[in-house]
C-alpha atoms as a PDB file:
ATOM      1  CA  UNK A   1      76.096 136.524 114.358  1.00  0.00           C
ATOM      2  CA  UNK A   2      78.880 139.011 113.718  1.00  0.00           C
ATOM      3  CA  UNK A   3      80.515 139.078 110.392  1.00  0.00           C
ATOM      4  CA  UNK A   4      84.224 139.945 110.229  1.00  0.00           C
ATOM      5  CA  UNK A   5      85.392 142.578 107.603  1.00  0.00           C
ATOM      6  CA  UNK A   6      88.623 142.048 106.096  1.00  0.00           C
ATOM      7  CA  UNK A   7      90.799 145.004 105.015  1.00  0.00           C
ATOM      8  CA  UNK A   8      92.098 145.547 101.399  1.00  0.00           C
ATOM      9  CA  UNK A   9      95.634 144.063 102.237  1.00  0.00           C
ATOM     10  CA  UNK A  10      94.148 140.972 103.734  1.00  0.00           C
ATOM     11  CA  UNK A  11      92.191 140.141 100.695  1.00  0.00           C
ATOM     12  CA  UNK A  12      94.852 140.717  98.361  1.00  0.00           C
ATOM     13  CA  UNK A  13      97.196 138.736 100.543  1.00  0.00           C
ATOM     14  CA  UNK A  14      94.495 135.720 100.261  1.00  0.00           C
ATOM     15  CA  UNK A  15      93.960 136.250  96.891  1.00  0.00           C
ATOM     16  CA  UNK A  16      97.611 135.977  95.984  1.00  0.00           C
ATOM     17  CA  UNK A  17      97.762 132.719  98.121  1.00  0.00           C
ATOM     18  CA  UNK A  18      94.946 131.182  95.705  1.00  0.00           C
ATOM     19  CA  UNK A  19      96.810 132.410  92.995  1.00  0.00           C
ATOM     20  CA  UNK A  20     100.338 130.728  93.907  1.00  0.00           C
ATOM     21  CA  UNK A  21      98.409 127.589  94.773  1.00  0.00           C
ATOM     22  CA  UNK A  22      96.387 127.552  91.458  1.00  0.00           C
ATOM     23  CA  UNK A  23     100.178 127.937  89.695  1.00  0.00           C
ATOM     24  CA  UNK A  24     101.614 125.286  91.597  1.00  0.00           C
ATOM     25  CA  UNK A  25      98.713 122.997  90.393  1.00  0.00           C
ATOM     26  CA  UNK A  26      99.415 124.092  87.004  1.00  0.00           C
ATOM     27  CA  UNK A  27     102.950 123.293  87.256  1.00  0.00           C
ATOM     28  CA  UNK A  28     102.302 119.826  88.886  1.00  0.00           C
ATOM     29  CA  UNK A  29      99.884 118.798  86.180  1.00  0.00           C
ATOM     30  CA  UNK A  30     102.579 119.852  83.493  1.00  0.00           C
ATOM     31  CA  UNK A  31     104.752 117.395  85.771  1.00  0.00           C
ATOM     32  CA  UNK A  32     102.013 114.788  85.501  1.00  0.00           C
ATOM     33  CA  UNK A  33     102.144 114.901  81.815  1.00  0.00           C
ATOM     34  CA  UNK A  34     105.899 115.143  81.503  1.00  0.00           C
ATOM     35  CA  UNK A  35     106.144 112.180  83.644  1.00  0.00           C
ATOM     36  CA  UNK A  36     103.879 110.169  80.879  1.00  0.00           C
ATOM     37  CA  UNK A  37     106.293 111.205  78.118  1.00  0.00           C
ATOM     38  CA  UNK A  38     109.531 109.783  80.174  1.00  0.00           C
ATOM     39  CA  UNK A  39     109.863 106.147  79.556  1.00  0.00           C
ATOM     40  CA  UNK A  40     110.312 105.026  83.073  1.00  0.00           C
ATOM     41  CA  UNK A  41     109.299 101.492  84.288  1.00  0.00           C
ATOM     42  CA  UNK A  42     105.521 101.182  84.930  1.00  0.00           C
ATOM     43  CA  UNK A  43     106.032 100.681  88.604  1.00  0.00           C
ATOM     44  CA  UNK A  44     107.962 103.841  88.881  1.00  0.00           C
ATOM     45  CA  UNK A  45     105.980 106.055  86.644  1.00  0.00           C
ATOM     46  CA  UNK A  46     102.474 104.932  88.867  1.00  0.00           C
ATOM     47  CA  UNK A  47     104.708 105.927  91.957  1.00  0.00           C
ATOM     48  CA  UNK A  48     105.843 109.386  90.759  1.00  0.00           C
ATOM     49  CA  UNK A  49     102.135 109.845  89.212  1.00  0.00           C
ATOM     50  CA  UNK A  50     100.713 109.018  92.437  1.00  0.00           C
ATOM     51  CA  UNK A  51     103.152 110.965  94.672  1.00  0.00           C
ATOM     52  CA  UNK A  52     102.347 113.932  92.495  1.00  0.00           C
ATOM     53  CA  UNK A  53      98.455 113.507  92.528  1.00  0.00           C
ATOM     54  CA  UNK A  54      98.490 113.426  96.488  1.00  0.00           C
ATOM     55  CA  UNK A  55     100.534 116.440  96.566  1.00  0.00           C
ATOM     56  CA  UNK A  56      97.915 118.352  94.309  1.00  0.00           C
ATOM     57  CA  UNK A  57      94.998 116.556  96.387  1.00  0.00           C
ATOM     58  CA  UNK A  58      96.785 117.881  99.525  1.00  0.00           C
ATOM     59  CA  UNK A  59      97.215 121.148  98.301  1.00  0.00           C
ATOM     60  CA  UNK A  60      93.583 121.786  97.149  1.00  0.00           C
ATOM     61  CA  UNK A  61      92.479 120.198 100.609  1.00  0.00           C
ATOM     62  CA  UNK A  62      94.518 122.605 102.620  1.00  0.00           C
ATOM     63  CA  UNK A  63      93.748 125.921 100.815  1.00  0.00           C
ATOM     64  CA  UNK A  64      90.688 125.717  98.764  1.00  0.00           C
ATOM     65  CA  UNK A  65      88.820 123.533 101.154  1.00  0.00           C
ATOM     66  CA  UNK A  66      90.663 125.501 103.928  1.00  0.00           C
ATOM     67  CA  UNK A  67      91.489 122.583 106.016  1.00  0.00           C
ATOM     68  CA  UNK A  68      95.131 124.257 106.734  1.00  0.00           C
ATOM     69  CA  UNK A  69      93.081 126.252 109.464  1.00  0.00           C
ATOM     70  CA  UNK A  70      91.144 123.606 111.118  1.00  0.00           C
ATOM     71  CA  UNK A  71      91.850 121.981 114.555  1.00  0.00           C
ATOM     72  CA  UNK A  72      93.433 118.754 115.608  1.00  0.00           C
ATOM     73  CA  UNK A  73      90.193 116.837 114.943  1.00  0.00           C
ATOM     74  CA  UNK A  74      90.277 117.250 111.117  1.00  0.00           C
ATOM     75  CA  UNK A  75      94.074 116.377 110.956  1.00  0.00           C
ATOM     76  CA  UNK A  76      93.463 113.225 113.144  1.00  0.00           C
ATOM     77  CA  UNK A  77      90.632 112.108 110.851  1.00  0.00           C
ATOM     78  CA  UNK A  78      92.705 112.899 107.822  1.00  0.00           C
ATOM     79  CA  UNK A  79      95.511 110.638 109.441  1.00  0.00           C
ATOM     80  CA  UNK A  80      93.530 107.596 110.096  1.00  0.00           C
ATOM     81  CA  UNK A  81      92.063 107.820 106.731  1.00  0.00           C
ATOM     82  CA  UNK A  82      95.721 107.708 105.550  1.00  0.00           C
ATOM     83  CA  UNK A  83      96.624 104.775 107.711  1.00  0.00           C
ATOM     84  CA  UNK A  84      93.128 102.940 106.628  1.00  0.00           C
ATOM     85  CA  UNK A  85      93.984 103.437 103.117  1.00  0.00           C
ATOM     86  CA  UNK A  86      97.261 102.015 103.374  1.00  0.00           C
ATOM     87  CA  UNK A  87      96.123  99.130 105.243  1.00  0.00           C
ATOM     88  CA  UNK A  88      93.744  98.114 102.788  1.00  0.00           C
ATOM     89  CA  UNK A  89      96.154  98.408  99.839  1.00  0.00           C
ATOM     90  CA  UNK A  90      98.484  95.918 101.580  1.00  0.00           C
ATOM     91  CA  UNK A  91      95.811  93.353 102.362  1.00  0.00           C
ATOM     92  CA  UNK A  92      96.342  91.496  99.292  1.00  0.00           C
ATOM     93  CA  UNK A  93      99.646  91.040 100.091  1.00  0.00           C
ATOM     94  CA  UNK A  94      99.243  89.960 103.409  1.00  0.00           C
ATOM     95  CA  UNK A  95      99.530  85.833 104.391  1.00  0.00           C
ATOM     96  CA  UNK A  96      96.441  83.761 104.420  1.00  0.00           C
ATOM     97  CA  UNK A  97      94.915  83.670 108.121  1.00  0.00           C
ATOM     98  CA  UNK A  98      96.140  80.094 108.440  1.00  0.00           C
ATOM     99  CA  UNK A  99      99.705  81.168 108.152  1.00  0.00           C
ATOM    100  CA  UNK A 100      99.418  84.196 110.492  1.00  0.00           C
ATOM    101  CA  UNK A 101      97.715  81.788 112.842  1.00  0.00           C
ATOM    102  CA  UNK A 102     100.630  79.521 113.161  1.00  0.00           C
ATOM    103  CA  UNK A 103     102.801  82.505 113.656  1.00  0.00           C
ATOM    104  CA  UNK A 104     101.006  83.692 116.506  1.00  0.00           C
ATOM    105  CA  UNK A 105     100.383  79.906 118.068  1.00  0.00           C
ATOM    106  CA  UNK A 106     104.069  78.834 117.663  1.00  0.00           C
END
Protein backbone atom coordinates (compact mmCIF):
# COMPACT_ATOMS: atom_id res chain seq x y z
CA UNK A 1 0.00 0.00 0.00
CA UNK A 2 1.55 3.23 -1.14
CA UNK A 3 1.33 6.13 1.22
CA UNK A 4 0.78 9.61 -0.08
CA UNK A 5 3.06 12.35 1.16
CA UNK A 6 1.69 15.83 1.48
CA UNK A 7 3.71 18.96 1.03
CA UNK A 8 4.03 21.47 3.84
CA UNK A 9 1.70 23.85 1.98
CA UNK A 10 -1.01 21.18 1.74
CA UNK A 11 -0.70 20.39 5.45
CA UNK A 12 -0.96 24.11 6.28
CA UNK A 13 -4.02 24.41 4.02
CA UNK A 14 -5.77 21.50 5.77
CA UNK A 15 -4.79 22.82 9.19
CA UNK A 16 -6.19 26.24 8.30
CA UNK A 17 -9.50 24.64 7.26
CA UNK A 18 -9.71 22.80 10.60
CA UNK A 19 -9.04 26.00 12.52
CA UNK A 20 -11.72 27.85 10.55
CA UNK A 21 -14.24 25.08 11.25
CA UNK A 22 -13.23 25.13 14.92
CA UNK A 23 -13.83 28.89 14.99
CA UNK A 24 -17.24 28.42 13.36
CA UNK A 25 -18.14 25.80 15.96
CA UNK A 26 -17.13 28.18 18.76
CA UNK A 27 -19.17 30.97 17.19
CA UNK A 28 -22.20 28.73 16.77
CA UNK A 29 -21.87 27.60 20.40
CA UNK A 30 -21.93 31.25 21.44
CA UNK A 31 -25.02 31.75 19.24
CA UNK A 32 -26.73 28.81 20.99
CA UNK A 33 -25.97 30.33 24.39
CA UNK A 34 -27.17 33.73 23.12
CA UNK A 35 -30.46 32.21 21.96
CA UNK A 36 -31.06 30.98 25.51
CA UNK A 37 -30.76 34.56 26.80
CA UNK A 38 -33.15 36.03 24.25
CA UNK A 39 -36.70 35.76 25.50
CA UNK A 40 -38.26 34.09 22.48
CA UNK A 41 -41.38 31.98 22.53
CA UNK A 42 -40.48 28.40 23.42
CA UNK A 43 -41.22 27.03 19.95
CA UNK A 44 -39.02 29.57 18.20
CA UNK A 45 -36.20 29.09 20.71
CA UNK A 46 -36.25 25.33 20.13
CA UNK A 47 -36.39 25.74 16.34
CA UNK A 48 -33.43 28.13 16.36
CA UNK A 49 -31.43 25.96 18.75
CA UNK A 50 -32.07 22.86 16.61
CA UNK A 51 -31.09 24.76 13.48
CA UNK A 52 -27.80 25.83 15.05
CA UNK A 53 -27.17 22.33 16.43
CA UNK A 54 -27.85 20.79 13.01
CA UNK A 55 -25.41 23.22 11.41
CA UNK A 56 -22.75 22.33 13.98
CA UNK A 57 -23.34 18.60 13.51
CA UNK A 58 -23.07 19.02 9.75
CA UNK A 59 -19.75 20.85 10.06
CA UNK A 60 -18.35 18.14 12.32
CA UNK A 61 -19.54 15.34 10.03
CA UNK A 62 -18.37 17.01 6.83
CA UNK A 63 -14.93 18.19 7.93
CA UNK A 64 -13.76 16.30 11.01
CA UNK A 65 -15.27 12.99 9.87
CA UNK A 66 -14.14 13.70 6.28
CA UNK A 67 -17.57 13.09 4.75
CA UNK A 68 -17.17 16.09 2.48
CA UNK A 69 -14.93 14.02 0.19
CA UNK A 70 -16.97 10.82 0.28
CA UNK A 71 -18.91 9.26 -2.54
CA UNK A 72 -22.59 9.48 -3.39
CA UNK A 73 -23.49 6.43 -1.27
CA UNK A 74 -22.67 8.34 1.91
CA UNK A 75 -24.85 11.27 0.87
CA UNK A 76 -27.72 8.95 -0.04
CA UNK A 77 -27.43 7.25 3.34
CA UNK A 78 -27.47 10.61 5.11
CA UNK A 79 -30.45 11.76 3.03
CA UNK A 80 -32.37 8.56 3.82
CA UNK A 81 -31.60 9.02 7.51
CA UNK A 82 -32.89 12.60 7.41
CA UNK A 83 -36.07 11.55 5.57
CA UNK A 84 -36.77 8.76 8.07
CA UNK A 85 -36.08 11.13 10.96
CA UNK A 86 -38.64 13.62 9.63
CA UNK A 87 -41.13 10.81 9.09
CA UNK A 88 -40.70 9.51 12.65
CA UNK A 89 -41.09 13.02 14.05
CA UNK A 90 -44.31 13.44 12.02
CA UNK A 91 -45.86 10.10 13.07
CA UNK A 92 -47.49 11.43 16.29
CA UNK A 93 -49.37 14.05 14.26
CA UNK A 94 -50.67 11.58 11.70
CA UNK A 95 -54.35 10.65 11.92
CA UNK A 96 -55.26 7.19 13.20
CA UNK A 97 -55.24 4.28 10.77
CA UNK A 98 -59.05 4.14 10.54
CA UNK A 99 -59.21 7.77 9.41
CA UNK A 100 -56.53 7.21 6.78
CA UNK A 101 -58.27 4.05 5.59
CA UNK A 102 -61.54 5.93 5.14
CA UNK A 103 -59.71 8.51 3.03
CA UNK A 104 -58.24 5.81 0.80
CA UNK A 105 -61.46 3.80 0.40
CA UNK A 106 -63.75 6.71 -0.41
